[in-house]
């Protein structure tokens, strides 16, 4: 099987999502046949995380091409020459590598399965025709993504010349950055030092010169994950004891399912990122996938003008079809106690009762909380009435308290202004 081309890259990625990330963690369990059954098998390290980490890897490559062009471009050229491929194919191999970086996980939390995930990657890349050594150049960065010294040892064993090793380290750098950027979804405090420590090994990178760009990317990633309803905890981005940005927890199983169980989770996420102006300015010139995204002849004639708008339309359709939530519309008929069915004397009685309550209020008497709570409970339990206290049931209920009920009964996001920019120092 050849290395995925422009045309089949998205499908190859989706195949890996269905092979690994839509399956249960426990390898002893039988493989799921009905993948889109409404259950997210891997809540934290699933297809959504793998897709974003892959896109962040591509994003960081494009950013580094601008910040340190000599190193980034030379690194890809050196790798391409060694594995006897074009540069675009090398990029796609790096993206395939990061996509399967959590493929062998048997649980959440600390990753104890980096080696096994690396083996999955090696098997995949050899199926595309790479020899074992060439496959190891990519797959070993998963096993040693947090251990650059061991990765250098692998490169030397393969026969990479000492002068070229810094170029091959670029693969590990990109994979490490892609995975680390998406950690904002699971940490209360995201310390920027983990990103800057990785970047410190990039020749030509200067934190004092390039730091503002990296900080802006971190804050954009935080905002994007928050808007995707995949932020499980209140999150702060902290740089040298200064809070750059903070977002409250914002998580929804229903919203997450629209991506996890989309016909193509990577495509849907990629288009969402392209539609974000902060990321678009760094990814708008990327041409690794344009041919795959531009199907018709008309699109091929003017791809820059048409492909993104058409993709957004397609993804909106995918989003609608990928998850069908049951909506029950209840038409209420007037009952006793409703305004429409009350008699004249009942209405007069209500008016008298309201008057006495007003008089009692003048003397400082207040009704007990029990009564007001009862009113809230009745409102929440009565079909056709809106309640600000009613919340969705299930595991997302606690973290999803910012979601009001819409008129059709589905949860929709609320827009709440969030603090931006530099915040006071941490105590």
Protein backbone atom coordinates (compact mmCIF):
# COMPACT_ATOMS: atom_id res chain seq x y z
CA UNK A 1 0.00 0.00 0.00
CA UNK A 2 1.53 3.36 -1.03
CA UNK A 3 1.94 6.31 1.30
CA UNK A 4 -1.42 8.15 1.55
CA UNK A 5 -1.77 10.64 -1.27
CA UNK A 6 -3.65 13.91 -1.24
CA UNK A 7 -6.81 12.09 -2.25
CA UNK A 8 -6.94 9.36 0.40
CA UNK A 9 -5.15 10.93 3.37
CA UNK A 10 -8.36 11.87 5.20
CA UNK A 11 -9.80 8.40 4.72
CA UNK A 12 -6.60 6.75 5.96
CA UNK A 13 -6.75 8.91 9.09
CA UNK A 14 -10.40 7.97 9.64
CA UNK A 15 -9.51 4.28 9.24
CA UNK A 16 -7.04 4.63 12.10
CA UNK A 17 -9.64 6.44 14.21
CA UNK A 18 -12.05 3.56 13.76
CA UNK A 19 -9.34 0.96 14.32
CA UNK A 20 -8.15 2.46 17.61
CA UNK A 21 -9.93 5.47 19.07
CA UNK A 22 -13.54 4.40 18.61
CA UNK A 23 -12.79 1.05 20.26
CA UNK A 24 -12.83 0.20 24.00
CA UNK A 25 -9.59 0.61 25.95
CA UNK A 26 -9.61 -3.00 27.11
CA UNK A 27 -7.94 -5.10 24.37
CA UNK A 28 -9.67 -8.22 25.75
CA UNK A 29 -13.06 -6.84 24.84
CA UNK A 30 -14.40 -7.73 21.39
CA UNK A 31 -14.03 -5.06 18.71
CA UNK A 32 -17.07 -2.86 18.33
CA UNK A 33 -18.92 -3.25 15.05
CA UNK A 34 -21.41 -0.45 15.66
CA UNK A 35 -18.96 2.40 16.14
CA UNK A 36 -21.46 5.25 16.36
CA UNK A 37 -23.68 3.93 19.13
CA UNK A 38 -23.82 7.17 21.13
CA UNK A 39 -21.10 6.09 23.57
CA UNK A 40 -17.67 7.73 23.70
CA UNK A 41 -15.23 4.92 24.46
CA UNK A 42 -12.20 7.16 25.10
CA UNK A 43 -13.31 10.33 26.80
CA UNK A 44 -9.93 12.07 27.08
CA UNK A 45 -7.58 10.33 24.64
CA UNK A 46 -9.97 9.61 21.80
CA UNK A 47 -10.36 10.57 18.17
CA UNK A 48 -11.02 14.23 18.94
CA UNK A 49 -7.75 14.62 20.84
CA UNK A 50 -5.80 12.67 18.21
CA UNK A 51 -7.23 14.90 15.47
CA UNK A 52 -6.45 18.15 17.26
CA UNK A 53 -2.95 17.03 18.23
CA UNK A 54 -2.33 16.19 14.57
CA UNK A 55 -3.53 19.62 13.46
CA UNK A 56 -1.47 21.36 16.16
CA UNK A 57 1.56 19.47 14.84
CA UNK A 58 0.92 20.82 11.35
CA UNK A 59 0.26 24.28 12.77
CA UNK A 60 3.56 24.33 14.67
CA UNK A 61 5.44 23.21 11.54
CA UNK A 62 3.97 26.12 9.59
CA UNK A 63 4.74 28.55 12.42
CA UNK A 64 8.34 27.34 12.75
CA UNK A 65 8.77 27.65 8.99
CA UNK A 66 8.15 31.36 9.52
CA UNK A 67 10.06 31.82 12.78
CA UNK A 68 13.09 29.67 11.94
CA UNK A 69 12.78 28.99 8.20
CA UNK A 70 16.34 27.82 7.60
CA UNK A 71 16.13 25.05 10.19
CA UNK A 72 12.54 23.93 9.57
CA UNK A 73 12.85 23.78 5.78
CA UNK A 74 16.29 22.16 5.84
CA UNK A 75 15.10 19.54 8.36
CA UNK A 76 12.21 18.38 6.14
CA UNK A 77 14.47 18.38 3.07
CA UNK A 78 17.11 16.28 4.86
CA UNK A 79 14.53 13.75 6.07
CA UNK A 80 12.92 13.57 2.60
CA UNK A 81 16.27 12.89 0.98
CA UNK A 82 17.07 10.09 3.43
CA UNK A 83 13.74 8.27 3.06
CA UNK A 84 13.63 9.01 -0.70
CA UNK A 85 10.31 10.84 -0.70
CA UNK A 86 9.01 14.30 -1.48
CA UNK A 87 8.64 16.80 1.33
CA UNK A 88 4.83 16.71 1.36
CA UNK A 89 4.93 12.94 1.91
CA UNK A 90 7.27 13.44 4.87
CA UNK A 91 4.78 15.87 6.41
CA UNK A 92 1.96 13.38 5.97
CA UNK A 93 4.06 10.64 7.60
CA UNK A 94 4.68 12.91 10.59
CA UNK A 95 0.95 13.61 10.83
CA UNK A 96 0.11 9.90 10.66
CA UNK A 97 2.64 9.34 13.43
CA UNK A 98 1.13 11.85 15.83
CA UNK A 99 -2.39 10.64 15.04
CA UNK A 100 -1.65 7.13 16.36
CA UNK A 101 0.46 8.31 19.32
CA UNK A 102 -2.20 7.13 21.83
CA UNK A 103 -3.43 4.14 19.82
CA UNK A 104 -2.27 1.43 22.26
CA UNK A 105 -3.59 3.06 25.43
CA UNK A 106 -5.53 0.77 27.75
CA UNK A 107 -6.66 3.59 30.00
CA UNK A 108 -6.60 7.31 30.70
CA UNK A 109 -4.12 9.11 32.94
CA UNK A 110 -0.36 8.60 32.72
CA UNK A 111 0.61 7.00 29.40
CA UNK A 112 2.15 3.59 30.09
CA UNK A 113 1.79 2.43 26.50
CA UNK A 114 4.06 4.74 24.48
CA UNK A 115 6.16 1.80 23.31
CA UNK A 116 3.15 -0.17 22.13
CA UNK A 117 1.70 2.87 20.36
CA UNK A 118 5.05 3.29 18.64
CA UNK A 119 4.87 -0.32 17.49
CA UNK A 120 1.40 0.31 16.05
CA UNK A 121 2.86 3.25 14.15
CA UNK A 122 5.78 1.17 12.88
CA UNK A 123 3.42 -1.50 11.57
CA UNK A 124 1.30 1.14 9.87
CA UNK A 125 4.25 2.85 8.17
CA UNK A 126 5.73 -0.44 6.98
CA UNK A 127 2.34 -1.23 5.44
CA UNK A 128 2.87 1.91 3.35
CA UNK A 129 6.13 0.49 2.03
CA UNK A 130 8.72 1.96 4.39
CA UNK A 131 11.54 -0.33 5.47
CA UNK A 132 11.96 -0.99 9.19
CA UNK A 133 14.70 1.60 9.72
CA UNK A 134 12.78 4.33 7.90
CA UNK A 135 9.64 3.46 9.85
CA UNK A 136 11.64 3.66 13.11
CA UNK A 137 12.71 7.21 12.30
CA UNK A 138 9.06 8.22 12.75
CA UNK A 139 7.60 5.60 15.09
CA UNK A 140 10.31 5.83 17.74
CA UNK A 141 9.41 9.45 18.43
CA UNK A 142 6.24 8.14 20.09
CA UNK A 143 8.15 5.87 22.44
CA UNK A 144 10.74 8.59 23.15
CA UNK A 145 8.70 11.76 22.61
CA UNK A 146 9.71 12.89 26.11
CA UNK A 147 13.23 11.48 25.93
CA UNK A 148 15.36 13.15 23.22
CA UNK A 149 18.55 11.38 24.28
CA UNK A 150 17.10 7.94 23.65
CA UNK A 151 15.73 9.05 20.31
CA UNK A 152 19.21 10.26 19.29
CA UNK A 153 20.50 6.78 20.17
CA UNK A 154 17.94 5.25 17.81
CA UNK A 155 19.01 7.59 15.01
CA UNK A 156 22.68 6.70 15.47
CA UNK A 157 21.84 2.98 15.41
CA UNK A 158 19.99 3.47 12.14
CA UNK A 159 23.07 5.11 10.65
CA UNK A 160 22.09 8.77 10.60
CA UNK A 161 25.21 10.91 10.42
CA UNK A 162 25.92 13.12 13.43
CA UNK A 163 25.63 16.29 11.35
CA UNK A 164 22.09 15.32 10.28
CA UNK A 165 20.72 14.27 13.68
CA UNK A 166 19.47 17.81 14.53
CA UNK A 167 17.34 17.69 11.37
CA UNK A 168 15.73 14.38 12.34
CA UNK A 169 15.05 15.68 15.85
CA UNK A 170 12.52 17.96 14.18
CA UNK A 171 10.11 15.03 13.91
CA UNK A 172 10.19 14.45 17.67
CA UNK A 173 9.87 18.20 18.29
CA UNK A 174 6.70 18.48 16.20
CA UNK A 175 5.08 15.38 17.71
CA UNK A 176 5.90 16.55 21.23
CA UNK A 177 4.49 20.03 20.57
CA UNK A 178 1.31 18.72 18.96
CA UNK A 179 0.54 16.49 21.94
CA UNK A 180 1.48 19.09 24.55
CA UNK A 181 -0.64 21.88 23.11
CA UNK A 182 -3.79 19.82 23.60
CA UNK A 183 -3.08 19.24 27.30
CA UNK A 184 -5.09 22.39 28.06
CA UNK A 185 -8.22 20.20 28.02
CA UNK A 186 -7.17 18.26 31.14
CA UNK A 187 -5.14 20.63 33.34
CA UNK A 188 -6.17 23.37 35.70
CA UNK A 189 -2.79 25.06 35.21
CA UNK A 190 -1.04 24.68 31.87
CA UNK A 191 2.57 25.76 32.37
CA UNK A 192 4.10 27.13 29.19
CA UNK A 193 7.54 25.88 30.21
CA UNK A 194 6.77 22.45 28.74
CA UNK A 195 6.33 24.01 25.30
CA UNK A 196 9.27 26.37 25.67
CA UNK A 197 11.54 23.58 26.91
CA UNK A 198 10.83 21.68 23.69
CA UNK A 199 11.34 24.78 21.56
CA UNK A 200 14.63 25.55 23.28
CA UNK A 201 16.14 22.66 21.32
CA UNK A 202 15.18 24.22 17.99
CA UNK A 203 18.18 25.97 16.38
CA UNK A 204 17.44 29.65 15.85
CA UNK A 205 14.44 29.81 18.18
CA UNK A 206 14.64 32.74 20.59
CA UNK A 207 11.96 32.95 23.28
CA UNK A 208 12.55 36.68 23.76
CA UNK A 209 11.92 37.30 20.05
CA UNK A 210 9.39 34.61 19.21
CA UNK A 211 7.63 34.23 22.56
CA UNK A 212 4.68 36.50 21.76
CA UNK A 213 3.73 34.33 18.78
CA UNK A 214 3.91 31.12 20.82
CA UNK A 215 1.88 32.66 23.65
CA UNK A 216 -0.79 33.74 21.15
CA UNK A 217 -0.99 30.19 19.77
CA UNK A 218 -1.37 28.73 23.26
CA UNK A 219 -4.23 31.09 24.06
CA UNK A 220 -5.91 30.36 20.72
CA UNK A 221 -5.67 26.62 21.34
CA UNK A 222 -7.18 27.10 24.79
CA UNK A 223 -10.07 29.10 23.35
CA UNK A 224 -10.65 26.58 20.54
CA UNK A 225 -10.78 23.59 22.91
CA UNK A 226 -13.11 25.54 25.19
CA UNK A 227 -15.43 26.34 22.27
CA UNK A 228 -15.42 22.65 21.29
CA UNK A 229 -16.90 21.74 24.71
CA UNK A 230 -13.90 19.54 25.49
CA UNK A 231 -12.44 21.43 28.47
CA UNK A 232 -13.04 19.31 31.55
CA UNK A 233 -11.50 21.62 34.15
CA UNK A 234 -11.11 25.32 34.73
CA UNK A 235 -7.91 26.10 32.85
CA UNK A 236 -5.24 28.78 33.21
CA UNK A 237 -2.24 29.26 30.95
CA UNK A 238 0.62 30.20 33.24
CA UNK A 239 3.94 31.69 32.14
CA UNK A 240 6.51 32.45 34.79
CA UNK A 241 3.82 32.84 37.48
CA UNK A 242 1.73 35.13 35.28
CA UNK A 243 -1.68 33.99 34.06
CA UNK A 244 -1.86 34.70 30.33
CA UNK A 245 -5.45 33.52 29.91
CA UNK A 246 -8.07 31.52 31.75
CA UNK A 247 -11.25 29.72 30.78
CA UNK A 248 -13.88 27.96 32.89
CA UNK A 249 -14.62 24.27 32.42
CA UNK A 250 -16.84 23.69 29.41
CA UNK A 251 -17.65 20.08 28.52
CA UNK A 252 -20.56 18.41 26.75
CA UNK A 253 -20.93 14.74 25.77
CA UNK A 254 -23.45 15.67 23.08
CA UNK A 255 -21.16 18.22 21.44
CA UNK A 256 -18.17 15.90 21.70
CA UNK A 257 -20.12 13.12 20.00
CA UNK A 258 -20.71 15.25 16.92
CA UNK A 259 -16.95 15.15 16.35
CA UNK A 260 -15.99 11.75 17.79
CA UNK A 261 -18.69 10.00 15.74
CA UNK A 262 -18.52 12.16 12.63
CA UNK A 263 -18.09 10.33 9.31
CA UNK A 264 -14.54 11.76 9.31
CA UNK A 265 -13.43 13.22 12.62
CA UNK A 266 -10.11 14.62 11.35
CA UNK A 267 -11.70 16.31 8.34
CA UNK A 268 -14.40 17.87 10.48
CA UNK A 269 -11.87 19.14 13.04
CA UNK A 270 -9.50 20.40 10.35
CA UNK A 271 -12.23 22.45 8.70
CA UNK A 272 -13.25 23.87 12.09
CA UNK A 273 -9.64 24.98 12.63
CA UNK A 274 -9.44 26.46 9.13
CA UNK A 275 -12.57 28.45 9.89
CA UNK A 276 -10.88 30.07 12.89
CA UNK A 277 -9.24 33.33 11.86
CA UNK A 278 -6.42 32.96 14.38
CA UNK A 279 -5.33 29.62 12.93
CA UNK A 280 -6.31 30.36 9.34
CA UNK A 281 -3.58 32.95 8.90
CA UNK A 282 -0.96 30.28 9.62
CA UNK A 283 -2.64 27.40 7.78
CA UNK A 284 -4.20 29.21 4.80
CA UNK A 285 -1.16 28.59 2.60
CA UNK A 286 -0.84 24.90 3.49
CA UNK A 287 -1.19 22.81 0.34
CA UNK A 288 -0.67 19.28 1.70
CA UNK A 289 -4.38 18.52 1.46
CA UNK A 290 -5.77 21.04 -1.01
CA UNK A 291 -5.96 18.55 -3.83
CA UNK A 292 -7.96 16.22 -1.59
CA UNK A 293 -10.26 19.04 -0.59
CA UNK A 294 -10.80 20.31 -4.14
CA UNK A 295 -12.72 17.59 -5.94
CA UNK A 296 -14.43 19.25 -8.87
CA UNK A 297 -12.77 20.82 -11.88
CA UNK A 298 -14.23 24.19 -11.01
CA UNK A 299 -12.66 23.99 -7.56
CA UNK A 300 -9.31 22.98 -9.00
CA UNK A 301 -9.36 26.09 -11.18
CA UNK A 302 -9.75 28.39 -8.17
CA UNK A 303 -9.07 26.28 -5.06
CA UNK A 304 -8.15 29.17 -2.79
CA UNK A 305 -11.50 30.85 -3.42
CA UNK A 306 -13.81 27.87 -3.17
CA UNK A 307 -12.50 24.89 -1.28
CA UNK A 308 -12.94 26.19 2.24
CA UNK A 309 -16.50 27.43 1.82
CA UNK A 310 -17.58 24.18 0.19
CA UNK A 311 -15.89 22.17 2.93
CA UNK A 312 -17.66 24.13 5.63
CA UNK A 313 -20.98 23.35 3.96
CA UNK A 314 -20.09 19.67 3.76
CA UNK A 315 -19.03 19.56 7.39
CA UNK A 316 -22.24 21.23 8.56
CA UNK A 317 -24.07 18.41 6.81
CA UNK A 318 -21.77 15.83 8.43
CA UNK A 319 -22.33 17.45 11.82
CA UNK A 320 -26.10 17.19 11.39
CA UNK A 321 -26.08 13.60 10.17
CA UNK A 322 -23.44 12.22 12.53
CA UNK A 323 -25.53 12.58 15.67
CA UNK A 324 -29.30 12.51 15.78
CA UNK A 325 -30.63 13.52 19.17
CA UNK A 326 -34.27 12.69 19.88
CA UNK A 327 -36.35 15.85 20.19
CA UNK A 328 -39.77 15.56 21.77
CA UNK A 329 -42.11 18.49 21.25
CA UNK A 330 -44.83 18.63 23.89
CA UNK A 331 -47.99 20.62 23.19
CA UNK A 332 -49.68 21.50 26.45
CA UNK A 333 -53.44 21.88 26.75
CA UNK A 334 -54.84 24.23 29.38
CA UNK A 335 -55.40 22.50 32.69
CA UNK A 336 -56.97 23.55 35.92
CA UNK A 337 -54.71 26.17 37.41
CA UNK A 338 -53.66 27.54 34.02
CA UNK A 339 -54.59 31.13 33.23
CA UNK A 340 -56.67 30.08 30.22
CA UNK A 341 -58.97 27.76 32.22
CA UNK A 342 -59.40 29.64 35.46
CA UNK A 343 -62.73 31.01 36.47
CA UNK A 344 -63.35 34.57 37.53
CA UNK A 345 -63.46 33.79 41.26
CA UNK A 346 -60.14 31.89 41.10
CA UNK A 347 -58.49 34.88 39.47
CA UNK A 348 -59.96 37.23 42.12
CA UNK A 349 -58.64 34.89 44.82
CA UNK A 350 -55.16 35.02 43.30
CA UNK A 351 -55.29 38.82 43.25
CA UNK A 352 -56.33 38.95 46.94
CA UNK A 353 -53.54 36.53 47.88
CA UNK A 354 -51.00 38.63 45.98
CA UNK A 355 -52.23 41.74 47.82
CA UNK A 356 -51.78 40.16 51.25
CA UNK A 357 -48.29 39.00 50.28
CA UNK A 358 -47.45 42.56 49.28
CA UNK A 359 -48.73 43.88 52.62
CA UNK A 360 -46.76 41.23 54.50
CA UNK A 361 -43.67 42.29 52.61
CA UNK A 362 -44.07 45.85 53.90
CA UNK A 363 -43.69 44.50 57.46
CA UNK A 364 -40.55 42.54 56.59
CA UNK A 365 -42.11 39.08 56.40
CA UNK A 366 -40.45 36.84 53.74
CA UNK A 367 -41.67 33.44 52.54
CA UNK A 368 -39.55 30.47 53.45
CA UNK A 369 -37.11 29.01 50.89
CA UNK A 370 -39.11 25.79 50.80
CA UNK A 371 -41.91 27.48 48.87
CA UNK A 372 -39.59 29.16 46.35
CA UNK A 373 -37.73 25.88 45.85
CA UNK A 374 -41.02 24.13 45.24
CA UNK A 375 -41.86 26.67 42.54
CA UNK A 376 -38.47 26.07 40.89
CA UNK A 377 -38.96 22.31 41.01
CA UNK A 378 -42.43 22.57 39.48
CA UNK A 379 -41.08 24.81 36.73
CA UNK A 380 -38.24 22.39 35.95
CA UNK A 381 -40.57 19.41 35.89
CA UNK A 382 -43.41 20.93 33.86
CA UNK A 383 -43.30 20.22 30.12
CA UNK A 384 -43.23 23.32 27.97
CA UNK A 385 -41.82 25.56 30.70
CA UNK A 386 -38.29 26.96 30.77
CA UNK A 387 -36.18 26.51 33.87
CA UNK A 388 -32.77 28.03 34.52
CA UNK A 389 -32.15 25.37 37.16
CA UNK A 390 -32.76 22.35 34.95
CA UNK A 391 -29.49 20.75 33.82
CA UNK A 392 -28.71 17.75 31.63
CA UNK A 393 -28.23 14.41 33.31
CA UNK A 394 -25.14 12.24 32.93
CA UNK A 395 -21.39 12.65 33.41
CA UNK A 396 -21.27 16.10 31.82
CA UNK A 397 -23.88 17.60 34.16
CA UNK A 398 -21.42 19.01 36.70
CA UNK A 399 -19.02 20.47 34.13
CA UNK A 400 -21.72 21.66 31.75
CA UNK A 401 -23.61 24.12 33.93
CA UNK A 402 -23.29 26.97 31.45
CA UNK A 403 -25.72 25.33 29.00
CA UNK A 404 -29.28 26.69 29.14
CA UNK A 405 -32.30 24.93 27.66
CA UNK A 406 -33.39 26.13 24.23
CA UNK A 407 -36.94 26.15 22.99
CA UNK A 408 -36.54 22.86 21.17
CA UNK A 409 -35.29 21.10 24.28
CA UNK A 410 -31.64 20.69 23.22
CA UNK A 411 -28.70 22.11 25.08
CA UNK A 412 -27.15 25.08 23.31
CA UNK A 413 -24.07 27.05 24.33
CA UNK A 414 -24.32 30.26 26.25
CA UNK A 415 -21.92 33.09 25.51
CA UNK A 416 -20.22 34.39 28.60
CA UNK A 417 -17.46 37.05 28.41
CA UNK A 418 -14.22 35.58 29.65
CA UNK A 419 -11.15 37.35 31.02
CA UNK A 420 -8.47 37.79 28.39
CA UNK A 421 -4.95 39.10 28.34
CA UNK A 422 -2.48 39.45 31.17
CA UNK A 423 -3.80 38.69 34.64
CA UNK A 424 -2.36 39.38 38.13
CA UNK A 425 0.54 37.34 39.34
CA UNK A 426 -0.20 34.09 41.09
CA UNK A 427 0.12 34.07 44.82
